Amino acid sequence: CRGGACACNAPLSACGGRCINTNNDAANCGSCGNACP
């Protein structure tokens, strides 16, 4: 909780209600929902 809002800690991003590292997640590569082949 930061500033009264739920947020992920860097370098994680909020994707589908979870904190995801878009630097190494094949289902969310670079951005949420960008799946690798």
PDB file of all heavy atoms in Angstrom:
ATOM      1  N   CYS A   1       0.861  -1.180   0.000  1.00  0.00           N
ATOM      2  CA  CYS A   1       0.000   0.000   0.000  1.00  0.00           C
ATOM      3  C   CYS A   1       0.896   1.229   0.000  1.00  0.00           C
ATOM      4  O   CYS A   1       1.701   1.431   0.907  1.00  0.00           O
ATOM      5  CB  CYS A   1      -0.905  -0.005   1.229  1.00  0.00           C
ATOM      6  SG  CYS A   1      -2.039   1.412   1.303  1.00  0.00           S
ATOM      7  N   ARG A   2       0.763   2.041  -1.043  1.00  0.00           N
ATOM      8  CA  ARG A   2       1.552   3.275  -1.150  1.00  0.00           C
ATOM      9  C   ARG A   2       0.625   4.424  -1.507  1.00  0.00           C
ATOM     10  O   ARG A   2      -0.084   4.346  -2.519  1.00  0.00           O
ATOM     11  CB  ARG A   2       2.632   3.145  -2.214  1.00  0.00           C
ATOM     12  CG  ARG A   2       3.786   2.264  -1.762  1.00  0.00           C
ATOM     13  CD  ARG A   2       4.825   2.211  -2.811  1.00  0.00           C
ATOM     14  NE  ARG A   2       4.209   1.478  -3.934  1.00  0.00           N
ATOM     15  CZ  ARG A   2       4.809   1.184  -5.056  1.00  0.00           C
ATOM     16  NH1 ARG A   2       6.013   1.575  -5.263  1.00  0.00           N
ATOM     17  NH2 ARG A   2       4.182   0.522  -6.003  1.00  0.00           N
ATOM     18  N   GLY A   3       0.635   5.434  -0.701  1.00  0.00           N
ATOM     19  CA  GLY A   3      -0.202   6.606  -0.962  1.00  0.00           C
ATOM     20  C   GLY A   3      -1.682   6.286  -1.018  1.00  0.00           C
ATOM     21  O   GLY A   3      -2.428   6.931  -1.747  1.00  0.00           O
ATOM     22  N   GLY A   4      -2.108   5.273  -0.282  1.00  0.00           N
ATOM     23  CA  GLY A   4      -3.518   4.901  -0.243  1.00  0.00           C
ATOM     24  C   GLY A   4      -3.984   4.057  -1.412  1.00  0.00           C
ATOM     25  O   GLY A   4      -5.175   3.897  -1.639  1.00  0.00           O
ATOM     26  N   ALA A   5      -3.029   3.512  -2.179  1.00  0.00           N
ATOM     27  CA  ALA A   5      -3.377   2.658  -3.322  1.00  0.00           C
ATOM     28  C   ALA A   5      -2.525   1.395  -3.301  1.00  0.00           C
ATOM     29  O   ALA A   5      -1.346   1.438  -2.951  1.00  0.00           O
ATOM     30  CB  ALA A   5      -3.171   3.406  -4.632  1.00  0.00           C
ATOM     31  N   CYS A   6      -3.141   0.290  -3.667  1.00  0.00           N
ATOM     32  CA  CYS A   6      -2.395  -0.969  -3.760  1.00  0.00           C
ATOM     33  C   CYS A   6      -1.498  -0.917  -4.992  1.00  0.00           C
ATOM     34  O   CYS A   6      -1.946  -0.530  -6.080  1.00  0.00           O
ATOM     35  CB  CYS A   6      -3.361  -2.148  -3.865  1.00  0.00           C
ATOM     36  SG  CYS A   6      -4.408  -2.355  -2.402  1.00  0.00           S
ATOM     37  N   ALA A   7      -0.241  -1.283  -4.804  1.00  0.00           N
ATOM     38  CA  ALA A   7       0.726  -1.214  -5.906  1.00  0.00           C
ATOM     39  C   ALA A   7       1.775  -2.305  -5.749  1.00  0.00           C
ATOM     40  O   ALA A   7       1.971  -2.851  -4.667  1.00  0.00           O
ATOM     41  CB  ALA A   7       1.399   0.154  -5.920  1.00  0.00           C
ATOM     42  N   CYS A   8       2.429  -2.604  -6.844  1.00  0.00           N
ATOM     43  CA  CYS A   8       3.537  -3.564  -6.834  1.00  0.00           C
ATOM     44  C   CYS A   8       4.840  -2.810  -6.586  1.00  0.00           C
ATOM     45  O   CYS A   8       4.983  -1.658  -6.998  1.00  0.00           O
ATOM     46  CB  CYS A   8       3.628  -4.274  -8.185  1.00  0.00           C
ATOM     47  SG  CYS A   8       2.180  -5.262  -8.583  1.00  0.00           S
ATOM     48  N   ASN A   9       5.760  -3.468  -5.945  1.00  0.00           N
ATOM     49  CA  ASN A   9       7.077  -2.881  -5.743  1.00  0.00           C
ATOM     50  C   ASN A   9       7.921  -3.085  -6.991  1.00  0.00           C
ATOM     51  O   ASN A   9       7.868  -4.145  -7.623  1.00  0.00           O
ATOM     52  CB  ASN A   9       7.774  -3.516  -4.530  1.00  0.00           C
ATOM     53  CG  ASN A   9       7.049  -3.200  -3.236  1.00  0.00           C
ATOM     54  OD1 ASN A   9       6.567  -2.088  -3.048  1.00  0.00           O
ATOM     55  ND2 ASN A   9       6.955  -4.169  -2.349  1.00  0.00           N
ATOM     56  N   ALA A  10       8.693  -2.066  -7.363  1.00  0.00           N
ATOM     57  CA  ALA A  10       9.571  -2.153  -8.540  1.00  0.00           C
ATOM     58  C   ALA A  10      10.520  -3.323  -8.371  1.00  0.00           C
ATOM     59  O   ALA A  10      10.950  -3.608  -7.258  1.00  0.00           O
ATOM     60  CB  ALA A  10      10.330  -0.852  -8.708  1.00  0.00           C
ATOM     61  N   PRO A  11      10.838  -4.054  -9.403  1.00  0.00           N
ATOM     62  CA  PRO A  11      10.520  -3.841 -10.813  1.00  0.00           C
ATOM     63  C   PRO A  11       9.247  -4.549 -11.259  1.00  0.00           C
ATOM     64  O   PRO A  11       9.034  -4.759 -12.443  1.00  0.00           O
ATOM     65  CB  PRO A  11      11.730  -4.441 -11.519  1.00  0.00           C
ATOM     66  CG  PRO A  11      12.069  -5.632 -10.674  1.00  0.00           C
ATOM     67  CD  PRO A  11      11.785  -5.170  -9.240  1.00  0.00           C
ATOM     68  N   LEU A  12       8.384  -4.907 -10.317  1.00  0.00           N
ATOM     69  CA  LEU A  12       7.179  -5.664 -10.653  1.00  0.00           C
ATOM     70  C   LEU A  12       6.071  -4.766 -11.177  1.00  0.00           C
ATOM     71  O   LEU A  12       6.007  -3.579 -10.860  1.00  0.00           O
ATOM     72  CB  LEU A  12       6.686  -6.429  -9.420  1.00  0.00           C
ATOM     73  CG  LEU A  12       7.709  -7.363  -8.760  1.00  0.00           C
ATOM     74  CD1 LEU A  12       7.117  -8.025  -7.541  1.00  0.00           C
ATOM     75  CD2 LEU A  12       8.228  -8.387  -9.742  1.00  0.00           C
ATOM     76  N   SER A  13       5.190  -5.349 -11.999  1.00  0.00           N
ATOM     77  CA  SER A  13       4.032  -4.656 -12.563  1.00  0.00           C
ATOM     78  C   SER A  13       2.773  -5.429 -12.202  1.00  0.00           C
ATOM     79  O   SER A  13       2.797  -6.654 -12.094  1.00  0.00           O
ATOM     80  CB  SER A  13       4.130  -4.577 -14.088  1.00  0.00           C
ATOM     81  OG  SER A  13       5.277  -3.891 -14.488  1.00  0.00           O
ATOM     82  N   ALA A  14       1.666  -4.713 -12.035  1.00  0.00           N
ATOM     83  CA  ALA A  14       0.384  -5.353 -11.735  1.00  0.00           C
ATOM     84  C   ALA A  14      -0.205  -5.907 -13.030  1.00  0.00           C
ATOM     85  O   ALA A  14      -0.502  -5.165 -13.956  1.00  0.00           O
ATOM     86  CB  ALA A  14      -0.565  -4.355 -11.100  1.00  0.00           C
ATOM     87  N   CYS A  15      -0.324  -7.231 -13.095  1.00  0.00           N
ATOM     88  CA  CYS A  15      -0.901  -7.905 -14.266  1.00  0.00           C
ATOM     89  C   CYS A  15      -1.933  -8.913 -13.768  1.00  0.00           C
ATOM     90  O   CYS A  15      -1.570  -9.863 -13.064  1.00  0.00           O
ATOM     91  CB  CYS A  15       0.174  -8.647 -15.056  1.00  0.00           C
ATOM     92  SG  CYS A  15       1.441  -7.616 -15.808  1.00  0.00           S
ATOM     93  N   GLY A  16      -3.170  -8.701 -14.120  1.00  0.00           N
ATOM     94  CA  GLY A  16      -4.217  -9.641 -13.743  1.00  0.00           C
ATOM     95  C   GLY A  16      -4.338  -9.855 -12.248  1.00  0.00           C
ATOM     96  O   GLY A  16      -4.575 -10.971 -11.803  1.00  0.00           O
ATOM     97  N   GLY A  17      -4.151  -8.810 -11.464  1.00  0.00           N
ATOM     98  CA  GLY A  17      -4.288  -8.921 -10.016  1.00  0.00           C
ATOM     99  C   GLY A  17      -3.086  -9.513  -9.308  1.00  0.00           C
ATOM    100  O   GLY A  17      -3.159  -9.815  -8.120  1.00  0.00           O
ATOM    101  N   ARG A  18      -1.987  -9.671 -10.021  1.00  0.00           N
ATOM    102  CA  ARG A  18      -0.750 -10.201  -9.420  1.00  0.00           C
ATOM    103  C   ARG A  18       0.413  -9.285  -9.766  1.00  0.00           C
ATOM    104  O   ARG A  18       0.388  -8.595 -10.781  1.00  0.00           O
ATOM    105  CB  ARG A  18      -0.446 -11.594  -9.965  1.00  0.00           C
ATOM    106  CG  ARG A  18      -1.477 -12.620  -9.616  1.00  0.00           C
ATOM    107  CD  ARG A  18      -1.129 -14.021 -10.128  1.00  0.00           C
ATOM    108  NE  ARG A  18       0.182 -14.153 -10.710  1.00  0.00           N
ATOM    109  CZ  ARG A  18       0.473 -14.876 -11.773  1.00  0.00           C
ATOM    110  NH1 ARG A  18      -0.471 -15.534 -12.388  1.00  0.00           N
ATOM    111  NH2 ARG A  18       1.696 -14.949 -12.239  1.00  0.00           N
ATOM    112  N   CYS A  19       1.439  -9.310  -8.940  1.00  0.00           N
ATOM    113  CA  CYS A  19       2.664  -8.572  -9.232  1.00  0.00           C
ATOM    114  C   CYS A  19       3.575  -9.495 -10.041  1.00  0.00           C
ATOM    115  O   CYS A  19       3.908 -10.589  -9.602  1.00  0.00           O
ATOM    116  CB  CYS A  19       3.358  -8.139  -7.940  1.00  0.00           C
ATOM    117  SG  CYS A  19       2.441  -6.882  -7.032  1.00  0.00           S
ATOM    118  N   ILE A  20       3.943  -9.030 -11.235  1.00  0.00           N
ATOM    119  CA  ILE A  20       4.705  -9.846 -12.186  1.00  0.00           C
ATOM    120  C   ILE A  20       5.967  -9.089 -12.592  1.00  0.00           C
ATOM    121  O   ILE A  20       5.923  -7.881 -12.807  1.00  0.00           O
ATOM    122  CB  ILE A  20       3.860 -10.117 -13.453  1.00  0.00           C
ATOM    123  CG1 ILE A  20       2.550 -10.826 -13.112  1.00  0.00           C
ATOM    124  CG2 ILE A  20       4.648 -10.864 -14.506  1.00  0.00           C
ATOM    125  CD1 ILE A  20       2.701 -12.246 -12.654  1.00  0.00           C
ATOM    126  N   ASN A  21       7.058  -9.818 -12.751  1.00  0.00           N
ATOM    127  CA  ASN A  21       8.275  -9.224 -13.295  1.00  0.00           C
ATOM    128  C   ASN A  21       8.224  -9.385 -14.807  1.00  0.00           C
ATOM    129  O   ASN A  21       8.476 -10.467 -15.336  1.00  0.00           O
ATOM    130  CB  ASN A  21       9.524  -9.891 -12.720  1.00  0.00           C
ATOM    131  CG  ASN A  21      10.785  -9.175 -13.114  1.00  0.00           C
ATOM    132  OD1 ASN A  21      10.824  -8.448 -14.108  1.00  0.00           O
ATOM    133  ND2 ASN A  21      11.835  -9.366 -12.332  1.00  0.00           N
ATOM    134  N   THR A  22       7.867  -8.313 -15.507  1.00  0.00           N
ATOM    135  CA  THR A  22       7.721  -8.371 -16.959  1.00  0.00           C
ATOM    136  C   THR A  22       9.069  -8.457 -17.674  1.00  0.00           C
ATOM    137  O   THR A  22       9.110  -8.564 -18.896  1.00  0.00           O
ATOM    138  CB  THR A  22       6.928  -7.154 -17.482  1.00  0.00           C
ATOM    139  OG1 THR A  22       7.600  -5.958 -17.100  1.00  0.00           O
ATOM    140  CG2 THR A  22       5.502  -7.158 -16.949  1.00  0.00           C
ATOM    141  N   ASN A  23      10.169  -8.456 -16.927  1.00  0.00           N
ATOM    142  CA  ASN A  23      11.490  -8.654 -17.527  1.00  0.00           C
ATOM    143  C   ASN A  23      11.776 -10.123 -17.809  1.00  0.00           C
ATOM    144  O   ASN A  23      12.624 -10.440 -18.633  1.00  0.00           O
ATOM    145  CB  ASN A  23      12.596  -8.092 -16.624  1.00  0.00           C
ATOM    146  CG  ASN A  23      12.638  -6.594 -16.661  1.00  0.00           C
ATOM    147  OD1 ASN A  23      12.446  -5.993 -17.704  1.00  0.00           O
ATOM    148  ND2 ASN A  23      12.886  -5.986 -15.518  1.00  0.00           N
ATOM    149  N   ASN A  24      11.064 -11.038 -17.104  1.00  0.00           N
ATOM    150  CA  ASN A  24      11.365 -12.459 -17.296  1.00  0.00           C
ATOM    151  C   ASN A  24      10.147 -13.374 -17.274  1.00  0.00           C
ATOM    152  O   ASN A  24      10.291 -14.587 -17.215  1.00  0.00           O
ATOM    153  CB  ASN A  24      12.395 -12.927 -16.259  1.00  0.00           C
ATOM    154  CG  ASN A  24      11.909 -12.781 -14.843  1.00  0.00           C
ATOM    155  OD1 ASN A  24      10.725 -12.642 -14.589  1.00  0.00           O
ATOM    156  ND2 ASN A  24      12.826 -12.807 -13.896  1.00  0.00           N
ATOM    157  N   ASP A  25       8.947 -12.825 -17.349  1.00  0.00           N
ATOM    158  CA  ASP A  25       7.733 -13.645 -17.354  1.00  0.00           C
ATOM    159  C   ASP A  25       7.266 -13.855 -18.800  1.00  0.00           C
ATOM    160  O   ASP A  25       6.866 -12.904 -19.473  1.00  0.00           O
ATOM    161  CB  ASP A  25       6.641 -12.948 -16.535  1.00  0.00           C
ATOM    162  CG  ASP A  25       5.414 -13.816 -16.359  1.00  0.00           C
ATOM    163  OD1 ASP A  25       4.675 -13.995 -17.354  1.00  0.00           O
ATOM    164  OD2 ASP A  25       5.199 -14.320 -15.254  1.00  0.00           O
ATOM    165  N   ALA A  26       7.311 -15.085 -19.280  1.00  0.00           N
ATOM    166  CA  ALA A  26       6.993 -15.385 -20.682  1.00  0.00           C
ATOM    167  C   ALA A  26       5.535 -15.089 -21.036  1.00  0.00           C
ATOM    168  O   ALA A  26       5.219 -14.863 -22.196  1.00  0.00           O
ATOM    169  CB  ALA A  26       7.323 -16.840 -21.001  1.00  0.00           C
ATOM    170  N   ALA A  27       4.639 -15.059 -20.068  1.00  0.00           N
ATOM    171  CA  ALA A  27       3.239 -14.760 -20.337  1.00  0.00           C
ATOM    172  C   ALA A  27       2.961 -13.252 -20.343  1.00  0.00           C
ATOM    173  O   ALA A  27       1.923 -12.811 -20.824  1.00  0.00           O
ATOM    174  CB  ALA A  27       2.343 -15.441 -19.305  1.00  0.00           C
ATOM    175  N   ASN A  28       3.885 -12.477 -19.800  1.00  0.00           N
ATOM    176  CA  ASN A  28       3.748 -11.019 -19.698  1.00  0.00           C
ATOM    177  C   ASN A  28       5.107 -10.391 -19.975  1.00  0.00           C
ATOM    178  O   ASN A  28       5.694  -9.745 -19.119  1.00  0.00           O
ATOM    179  CB  ASN A  28       3.250 -10.626 -18.310  1.00  0.00           C
ATOM    180  CG  ASN A  28       1.908 -11.222 -17.985  1.00  0.00           C
ATOM    181  OD1 ASN A  28       0.888 -10.761 -18.463  1.00  0.00           O
ATOM    182  ND2 ASN A  28       1.905 -12.294 -17.198  1.00  0.00           N
ATOM    183  N   CYS A  29       5.621 -10.579 -21.144  1.00  0.00           N
ATOM    184  CA  CYS A  29       6.996 -10.176 -21.466  1.00  0.00           C
ATOM    185  C   CYS A  29       7.048  -8.723 -21.951  1.00  0.00           C
ATOM    186  O   CYS A  29       6.553  -8.395 -23.027  1.00  0.00           O
ATOM    187  CB  CYS A  29       7.580 -11.098 -22.531  1.00  0.00           C
ATOM    188  SG  CYS A  29       9.345 -10.853 -22.783  1.00  0.00           S
ATOM    189  N   GLY A  30       7.636  -7.856 -21.147  1.00  0.00           N
ATOM    190  CA  GLY A  30       7.752  -6.442 -21.482  1.00  0.00           C
ATOM    191  C   GLY A  30       6.526  -5.646 -21.084  1.00  0.00           C
ATOM    192  O   GLY A  30       6.633  -4.477 -20.755  1.00  0.00           O
ATOM    193  N   SER A  31       5.362  -6.276 -21.117  1.00  0.00           N
ATOM    194  CA  SER A  31       4.116  -5.640 -20.696  1.00  0.00           C
ATOM    195  C   SER A  31       3.091  -6.728 -20.391  1.00  0.00           C
ATOM    196  O   SER A  31       3.238  -7.879 -20.827  1.00  0.00           O
ATOM    197  CB  SER A  31       3.590  -4.695 -21.779  1.00  0.00           C
ATOM    198  OG  SER A  31       3.282  -5.410 -22.958  1.00  0.00           O
ATOM    199  N   CYS A  32       2.060  -6.370 -19.671  1.00  0.00           N
ATOM    200  CA  CYS A  32       1.014  -7.324 -19.298  1.00  0.00           C
ATOM    201  C   CYS A  32       0.331  -7.882 -20.543  1.00  0.00           C
ATOM    202  O   CYS A  32       0.002  -7.139 -21.472  1.00  0.00           O
ATOM    203  CB  CYS A  32      -0.024  -6.642 -18.413  1.00  0.00           C
ATOM    204  SG  CYS A  32       0.643  -6.094 -16.834  1.00  0.00           S
ATOM    205  N   GLY A  33       0.171  -9.200 -20.573  1.00  0.00           N
ATOM    206  CA  GLY A  33      -0.542  -9.858 -21.656  1.00  0.00           C
ATOM    207  C   GLY A  33       0.274 -10.141 -22.905  1.00  0.00           C
ATOM    208  O   GLY A  33      -0.217 -10.776 -23.821  1.00  0.00           O
ATOM    209  N   ASN A  34       1.517  -9.683 -22.955  1.00  0.00           N
ATOM    210  CA  ASN A  34       2.374  -9.937 -24.125  1.00  0.00           C
ATOM    211  C   ASN A  34       3.071 -11.284 -23.939  1.00  0.00           C
ATOM    212  O   ASN A  34       4.115 -11.367 -23.303  1.00  0.00           O
ATOM    213  CB  ASN A  34       3.401  -8.819 -24.307  1.00  0.00           C
ATOM    214  CG  ASN A  34       4.221  -9.005 -25.562  1.00  0.00           C
ATOM    215  OD1 ASN A  34       3.693  -9.382 -26.596  1.00  0.00           O
ATOM    216  ND2 ASN A  34       5.517  -8.754 -25.462  1.00  0.00           N
ATOM    217  N   ALA A  35       2.466 -12.341 -24.475  1.00  0.00           N
ATOM    218  CA  ALA A  35       2.995 -13.700 -24.307  1.00  0.00           C
ATOM    219  C   ALA A  35       4.008 -14.031 -25.397  1.00  0.00           C
ATOM    220  O   ALA A  35       3.810 -13.708 -26.562  1.00  0.00           O
ATOM    221  CB  ALA A  35       1.855 -14.707 -24.342  1.00  0.00           C
ATOM    222  N   CYS A  36       5.088 -14.665 -24.989  1.00  0.00           N
ATOM    223  CA  CYS A  36       6.100 -15.120 -25.946  1.00  0.00           C
ATOM    224  C   CYS A  36       5.608 -16.388 -26.640  1.00  0.00           C
ATOM    225  O   CYS A  36       4.883 -17.185 -26.034  1.00  0.00           O
ATOM    226  CB  CYS A  36       7.405 -15.435 -25.226  1.00  0.00           C
ATOM    227  SG  CYS A  36       8.222 -14.016 -24.489  1.00  0.00           S
ATOM    228  N   PRO A  37       6.028 -16.614 -27.890  1.00  0.00           N
ATOM    229  CA  PRO A  37       5.715 -17.884 -28.554  1.00  0.00           C
ATOM    230  C   PRO A  37       6.255 -19.050 -27.727  1.00  0.00           C
ATOM    231  O   PRO A  37       7.199 -18.889 -26.942  1.00  0.00           O
ATOM    232  CB  PRO A  37       6.440 -17.767 -29.893  1.00  0.00           C
ATOM    233  CG  PRO A  37       6.539 -16.303 -30.139  1.00  0.00           C
ATOM    234  CD  PRO A  37       6.743 -15.694 -28.776  1.00  0.00           C
TER     235      PRO A  37
END
